[in-house]
Amino acid sequence: MEKLDVSVVVPLYDEAESLPELAAWIDRVAREHAFSYEAILIDDGSDDDSWAVIRRLKERYPALRAIRFARNYGKSAALYCGFAAAEGEVVVTMDADLQDSPDEIPELRRMILEEGYDMVSGWKKRRYDPLDKRLPSKFFNWTARTVSGIRLHDFNCGLKAYRRKVVKAIEVYGEMHRYIPMLAKQAGFRRIGEKVVEHRARKYGVSKFGIERMVKGYLDLITVWFMSHFGRSPMYFFGSLGTLMFLVGGSTTVWILATKICKQMQGLPLRPVADQPLFYLAILSVILGVQLFLAGFLGELVNRRAGDRNKYMIDETLD
């Protein structure tokens, strides 16, 4: 099969009104720049006529491909399937609501191929979202920058471009689409760039995301941070914490018992050990320490059984 210049991956949910304009726009940009392309539309269990519209568009645009989910699985699942199906040299993702401009595709592709980036993330410097979405987004992006060390202004921008090998090496699940730059860095792709992109006002429909995405976003951020630091060796986290708690609890218990024995030998008044809250806290610390250590040990066993430890990203070889 002939190698494609660009794969455009578009997750969508109830975007029937915007799809004809989006498909025509992508096709026009590809023709103007003489790109061979494919547009992969992933219908994430839409309740409207999105799939019927996609069927009609397929007749007009042969480069269009489509995947339909039986139910709504979320954006991460849609991107995962789109990445698996993509065959282009450069893979571009964008939302289907026309707030992302396909006119950005040529420059994003150039930055990947000519400037050597593994990934380029869009930055919606000027946004048309309401204030109650912009402020939480700024705080979220600041937190993600601080935790990941990746200097991006807009982690959650749907408009991104990737070298093909990047999307084949990362696994997007849960709500991890917000942290694809972190997943790419974790996989060994550290050449991550940023481009200011146009953010257009929503033309059709309404936003599908509510305030709950912020809660999920921060929980996923903790998950990504933990996996990037301790995913290969959970014993380093659980074992260290468990050992510390065991030593603190054990030392405290010994100190309490030694104090009692010394007072008994000197004939001093004693307070029963069982009446001291510190004794129970020390015992609890010992028990939790043992449990955490065992959790780390079991995590190591699971890693080894999965055969996951030998999957390393190889950038280049010389024979």
Protein backbone atom coordinates (compact mmCIF):
# COMPACT_ATOMS: atom_id res chain seq x y z
CA MET A 1 0.00 0.00 0.00
CA GLU A 2 1.24 3.49 -0.87
CA LYS A 3 2.52 5.43 2.10
CA LEU A 4 0.20 8.23 3.16
CA ASP A 5 1.45 11.70 4.04
CA VAL A 6 -1.11 12.38 6.76
CA SER A 7 -3.65 10.52 8.85
CA VAL A 8 -6.28 12.76 10.46
CA VAL A 9 -7.90 11.08 13.46
CA VAL A 10 -11.20 12.64 14.58
CA PRO A 11 -13.09 11.33 17.63
CA LEU A 12 -16.71 12.43 17.65
CA TYR A 13 -19.90 12.16 19.66
CA ASP A 14 -23.18 13.65 18.39
CA GLU A 15 -21.56 15.93 15.80
CA ALA A 16 -23.76 15.21 12.78
CA GLU A 17 -24.16 18.90 11.88
CA SER A 18 -20.45 19.68 11.71
CA LEU A 19 -19.21 16.55 9.89
CA PRO A 20 -19.94 17.59 6.27
CA GLU A 21 -18.12 20.90 6.70
CA LEU A 22 -15.22 19.22 8.50
CA ALA A 23 -14.76 16.50 5.87
CA ALA A 24 -14.84 19.07 3.04
CA TRP A 25 -12.34 21.27 4.86
CA ILE A 26 -9.85 18.47 5.46
CA ASP A 27 -10.13 17.34 1.85
CA ARG A 28 -9.60 20.88 0.55
CA VAL A 29 -6.48 21.41 2.66
CA ALA A 30 -5.03 18.06 1.53
CA ARG A 31 -5.65 18.88 -2.14
CA GLU A 32 -4.19 22.38 -1.88
CA HIS A 33 -0.95 20.98 -0.45
CA ALA A 34 -0.91 17.80 -2.56
CA PHE A 35 -1.04 15.49 0.46
CA SER A 36 -2.09 11.90 0.25
CA TYR A 37 -4.27 11.46 3.32
CA GLU A 38 -6.86 9.51 5.21
CA ALA A 39 -9.45 10.91 7.60
CA ILE A 40 -10.40 8.40 10.29
CA LEU A 41 -13.67 9.30 12.01
CA ILE A 42 -14.40 7.43 15.23
CA ASP A 43 -18.08 7.58 16.19
CA ASP A 44 -18.07 7.15 19.96
CA GLY A 45 -21.61 5.76 20.24
CA SER A 46 -23.44 8.85 18.99
CA ASP A 47 -27.18 9.13 19.63
CA ASP A 48 -27.81 11.43 16.66
CA ASP A 49 -27.43 10.82 12.90
CA SER A 50 -23.63 11.02 12.90
CA TRP A 51 -23.12 7.52 11.48
CA ALA A 52 -25.66 8.05 8.69
CA VAL A 53 -23.89 11.29 7.79
CA ILE A 54 -20.53 9.49 7.76
CA ARG A 55 -21.91 6.85 5.41
CA ARG A 56 -22.99 9.55 2.95
CA LEU A 57 -19.66 11.36 3.23
CA LYS A 58 -17.78 8.15 2.48
CA GLU A 59 -19.34 8.09 -0.98
CA ARG A 60 -18.04 11.58 -1.70
CA TYR A 61 -14.63 11.32 -0.03
CA PRO A 62 -12.93 7.95 -0.68
CA ALA A 63 -10.08 8.86 1.71
CA LEU A 64 -12.51 8.85 4.59
CA ARG A 65 -12.45 5.87 6.95
CA ALA A 66 -14.72 5.33 9.93
CA ILE A 67 -15.07 3.28 13.10
CA ARG A 68 -18.31 3.04 15.05
CA PHE A 69 -18.47 2.05 18.72
CA ALA A 70 -21.45 0.09 20.03
CA ARG A 71 -21.70 2.55 22.93
CA ASN A 72 -19.97 5.61 24.31
CA TYR A 73 -16.51 4.61 25.56
CA GLY A 74 -14.89 8.05 25.75
CA LYS A 75 -12.34 10.06 23.84
CA SER A 76 -9.34 8.03 24.96
CA ALA A 77 -10.83 4.83 23.58
CA ALA A 78 -11.62 6.58 20.29
CA LEU A 79 -8.05 7.86 19.97
CA TYR A 80 -6.64 4.44 20.84
CA CYS A 81 -8.57 2.80 17.98
CA GLY A 82 -7.78 5.68 15.63
CA PHE A 83 -4.05 5.41 16.37
CA ALA A 84 -4.15 1.67 15.78
CA ALA A 85 -5.77 2.19 12.37
CA ALA A 86 -3.64 5.16 11.23
CA GLU A 87 -1.21 4.53 8.38
CA GLY A 88 0.08 8.01 7.62
CA GLU A 89 3.64 9.22 8.06
CA VAL A 90 2.30 11.97 10.33
CA VAL A 91 -0.82 11.52 12.46
CA VAL A 92 -2.91 14.59 13.31
CA THR A 93 -5.75 14.57 15.84
CA MET A 94 -8.52 17.13 16.06
CA ASP A 95 -12.00 17.51 17.49
CA ALA A 96 -15.06 17.25 15.26
CA ASP A 97 -16.82 20.40 16.49
CA LEU A 98 -15.00 22.75 14.08
CA GLN A 99 -13.25 24.57 16.92
CA ASP A 100 -9.98 23.11 15.55
CA SER A 101 -8.92 24.34 12.13
CA PRO A 102 -7.68 21.84 9.50
CA ASP A 103 -5.69 24.74 8.01
CA GLU A 104 -3.15 24.04 10.78
CA ILE A 105 -2.34 20.57 9.39
CA PRO A 106 0.39 21.58 6.86
CA GLU A 107 2.42 23.54 9.42
CA LEU A 108 2.05 20.83 12.06
CA ARG A 109 3.27 18.27 9.55
CA ARG A 110 6.21 20.47 8.57
CA MET A 111 7.28 20.83 12.20
CA ILE A 112 7.29 17.06 12.60
CA LEU A 113 9.20 16.30 9.40
CA GLU A 114 11.53 19.28 9.11
CA GLU A 115 12.11 20.43 12.68
CA GLY A 116 12.49 16.93 14.04
CA TYR A 117 9.74 16.92 16.64
CA ASP A 118 8.20 13.62 17.73
CA MET A 119 5.04 15.42 18.71
CA VAL A 120 3.64 18.93 18.37
CA SER A 121 0.82 20.08 20.62
CA GLY A 122 -1.53 22.92 19.79
CA TRP A 123 -1.85 25.91 22.10
CA LYS A 124 -5.17 27.74 22.01
CA LYS A 125 -3.67 31.01 23.16
CA ARG A 126 -6.88 32.90 22.49
CA ARG A 127 -9.90 30.87 23.53
CA TYR A 128 -13.62 31.34 22.99
CA ASP A 129 -14.67 29.18 25.91
CA PRO A 130 -16.53 30.76 28.86
CA LEU A 131 -14.57 31.90 31.90
CA ASP A 132 -15.73 28.97 34.03
CA LYS A 133 -13.91 26.65 31.63
CA ARG A 134 -10.81 28.77 31.03
CA LEU A 135 -9.82 29.29 34.67
CA PRO A 136 -9.92 25.60 35.70
CA SER A 137 -8.08 24.79 32.47
CA LYS A 138 -5.26 27.21 33.34
CA PHE A 139 -4.88 25.69 36.79
CA PHE A 140 -4.98 22.18 35.36
CA ASN A 141 -2.29 22.98 32.78
CA TRP A 142 -0.07 24.57 35.43
CA THR A 143 -0.35 21.43 37.56
CA ALA A 144 0.41 19.16 34.59
CA ARG A 145 3.48 21.25 33.68
CA THR A 146 4.75 21.13 37.24
CA VAL A 147 4.30 17.38 37.60
CA SER A 148 5.55 16.35 34.16
CA GLY A 149 8.29 18.90 33.51
CA ILE A 150 6.94 19.34 29.96
CA ARG A 151 6.73 23.02 29.01
CA LEU A 152 3.34 23.06 27.28
CA HIS A 153 0.64 25.65 27.79
CA ASP A 154 -2.32 23.49 26.72
CA PHE A 155 -2.10 19.77 27.46
CA ASN A 156 -5.75 19.17 26.62
CA CYS A 157 -5.80 20.76 23.16
CA GLY A 158 -7.31 18.24 20.76
CA LEU A 159 -5.21 19.50 17.84
CA LYS A 160 -1.91 17.63 17.92
CA ALA A 161 0.50 16.06 15.44
CA TYR A 162 2.64 12.97 15.95
CA ARG A 163 5.31 11.04 14.19
CA ARG A 164 3.74 7.70 13.26
CA LYS A 165 5.94 5.63 15.57
CA VAL A 166 4.78 7.69 18.55
CA VAL A 167 1.11 6.72 18.25
CA LYS A 168 2.09 3.08 17.75
CA ALA A 169 4.16 3.07 20.94
CA ILE A 170 1.76 4.65 23.44
CA GLU A 171 -1.43 3.26 24.95
CA VAL A 172 -4.26 5.72 25.59
CA TYR A 173 -6.91 4.47 28.01
CA GLY A 174 -9.32 5.74 30.66
CA GLU A 175 -9.18 9.54 30.39
CA MET A 176 -5.49 9.62 29.47
CA HIS A 177 -6.00 11.61 26.26
CA ARG A 178 -5.26 14.71 28.36
CA TYR A 179 -1.79 13.37 29.14
CA ILE A 180 -0.60 12.08 25.78
CA PRO A 181 2.51 14.34 25.98
CA MET A 182 3.40 12.67 29.28
CA LEU A 183 2.75 9.21 27.84
CA ALA A 184 4.96 10.05 24.86
CA LYS A 185 7.75 11.29 27.11
CA GLN A 186 7.44 8.17 29.25
CA ALA A 187 7.80 6.04 26.10
CA GLY A 188 11.05 7.80 25.19
CA PHE A 189 9.82 10.51 22.81
CA ARG A 190 11.20 13.70 24.34
CA ARG A 191 11.19 16.02 21.31
CA ILE A 192 7.85 17.64 22.11
CA GLY A 193 7.00 21.01 20.60
CA GLU A 194 4.15 23.49 20.70
CA LYS A 195 2.38 25.65 18.14
CA VAL A 196 -0.10 28.45 18.66
CA VAL A 197 -3.28 27.40 16.85
CA GLU A 198 -6.56 29.07 16.03
CA HIS A 199 -9.43 28.35 18.39
CA ARG A 200 -12.76 28.89 16.70
CA ALA A 201 -16.08 29.54 18.39
CA ARG A 202 -18.37 26.50 18.46
CA LYS A 203 -20.66 26.59 15.43
CA TYR A 204 -22.95 23.64 16.12
CA GLY A 205 -24.17 21.79 19.20
CA VAL A 206 -22.93 22.08 22.75
CA SER A 207 -19.88 20.94 24.70
CA LYS A 208 -19.97 17.29 25.82
CA PHE A 209 -17.69 17.82 28.82
CA GLY A 210 -18.79 18.90 32.30
CA ILE A 211 -17.10 19.77 35.56
CA GLU A 212 -16.56 16.08 36.34
CA ARG A 213 -13.75 15.99 33.81
CA MET A 214 -11.63 18.10 36.16
CA VAL A 215 -11.96 15.50 38.92
CA LYS A 216 -11.16 12.67 36.52
CA GLY A 217 -8.31 14.72 35.08
CA TYR A 218 -6.52 15.07 38.39
CA LEU A 219 -7.02 11.42 39.30
CA ASP A 220 -5.53 10.44 35.94
CA LEU A 221 -2.65 12.87 36.50
CA ILE A 222 -1.78 11.01 39.70
CA THR A 223 -1.97 7.73 37.79
CA VAL A 224 0.32 8.93 35.00
CA TRP A 225 2.81 10.36 37.51
CA PHE A 226 2.87 7.13 39.48
CA MET A 227 3.22 4.95 36.38
CA SER A 228 6.02 7.09 34.98
CA HIS A 229 8.02 6.92 38.22
CA PHE A 230 7.11 3.54 39.70
CA GLY A 231 5.23 1.64 36.99
CA ARG A 232 8.20 -0.64 36.30
CA SER A 233 9.22 -1.05 39.95
CA PRO A 234 6.28 -0.58 42.33
CA MET A 235 8.43 -1.98 45.14
CA TYR A 236 10.41 1.28 45.14
CA PHE A 237 7.28 3.16 46.22
CA PHE A 238 5.34 0.67 48.32
CA GLY A 239 8.44 -1.05 49.71
CA SER A 240 10.10 2.21 50.76
CA LEU A 241 6.94 3.59 52.35
CA GLY A 242 6.17 0.25 54.01
CA THR A 243 9.69 -0.11 55.39
CA LEU A 244 9.58 3.43 56.79
CA MET A 245 6.24 2.84 58.51
CA PHE A 246 7.42 -0.53 59.87
CA LEU A 247 10.59 0.98 61.30
CA VAL A 248 8.77 3.93 62.86
CA GLY A 249 6.06 1.71 64.36
CA GLY A 250 8.50 -0.94 65.51
CA SER A 251 10.87 1.58 67.08
CA THR A 252 8.00 3.28 68.90
CA THR A 253 6.72 -0.05 70.21
CA VAL A 254 10.19 -1.02 71.47
CA TRP A 255 10.58 2.40 73.11
CA ILE A 256 7.23 2.07 74.92
CA LEU A 257 8.06 -1.44 76.18
CA ALA A 258 11.61 -0.47 77.16
CA THR A 259 10.27 2.53 79.11
CA LYS A 260 7.87 0.26 80.97
CA ILE A 261 10.62 -2.23 81.88
CA CYS A 262 12.94 0.53 83.10
CA LYS A 263 10.21 2.01 85.32
CA GLN A 264 9.40 -1.43 86.71
CA MET A 265 13.04 -2.01 87.63
CA GLN A 266 13.18 1.39 89.38
CA GLY A 267 9.88 0.90 91.18
CA LEU A 268 8.34 3.97 89.55
CA PRO A 269 4.59 4.35 88.94
CA LEU A 270 3.53 2.80 85.61
CA ARG A 271 0.88 3.54 83.07
CA PRO A 272 -0.40 0.34 81.44
CA VAL A 273 0.78 -0.04 77.86
CA ALA A 274 -2.76 -0.84 76.75
CA ASP A 275 -3.90 2.56 78.04
CA GLN A 276 -1.51 4.46 75.78
CA PRO A 277 -2.94 5.55 72.38
CA LEU A 278 0.61 5.82 71.04
CA PHE A 279 1.02 2.05 71.47
CA TYR A 280 -1.95 1.32 69.21
CA LEU A 281 -0.74 3.85 66.63
CA ALA A 282 2.66 2.15 66.65
CA ILE A 283 1.08 -1.29 66.13
CA LEU A 284 -1.08 0.13 63.34
CA SER A 285 2.03 1.59 61.68
CA VAL A 286 3.75 -1.81 61.82
CA ILE A 287 0.73 -3.58 60.28
CA LEU A 288 0.34 -0.99 57.51
CA GLY A 289 4.07 -1.13 56.82
CA VAL A 290 3.93 -4.89 56.31
CA GLN A 291 0.88 -4.55 54.05
CA LEU A 292 2.50 -1.85 51.91
CA PHE A 293 5.66 -3.91 51.57
CA LEU A 294 3.62 -6.93 50.47
CA ALA A 295 1.70 -4.73 48.00
CA GLY A 296 5.01 -3.69 46.41
CA PHE A 297 6.19 -7.30 46.34
CA LEU A 298 2.96 -8.45 44.65
CA GLY A 299 3.24 -5.56 42.17
CA GLU A 300 6.73 -6.75 41.21
CA LEU A 301 5.42 -10.29 40.70
CA VAL A 302 2.61 -9.03 38.45
CA ASN A 303 5.11 -7.02 36.38
CA ARG A 304 7.33 -10.04 35.89
CA ARG A 305 4.43 -12.34 35.04
CA ALA A 306 3.16 -9.89 32.44
CA GLY A 307 6.50 -9.98 30.65
CA ASP A 308 6.28 -6.21 30.49
CA ARG A 309 9.80 -5.45 31.67
CA ASN A 310 11.51 -6.10 28.31
CA LYS A 311 9.42 -3.73 26.18
CA TYR A 312 11.85 -0.91 25.60
CA MET A 313 11.65 1.88 23.07
CA ILE A 314 14.61 1.54 20.64
CA ASP A 315 15.30 4.76 18.77
CA GLU A 316 18.00 3.55 16.37
CA THR A 317 20.30 0.59 15.71
CA LEU A 318 23.55 0.15 13.81
CA ASP A 319 24.52 -3.29 12.44
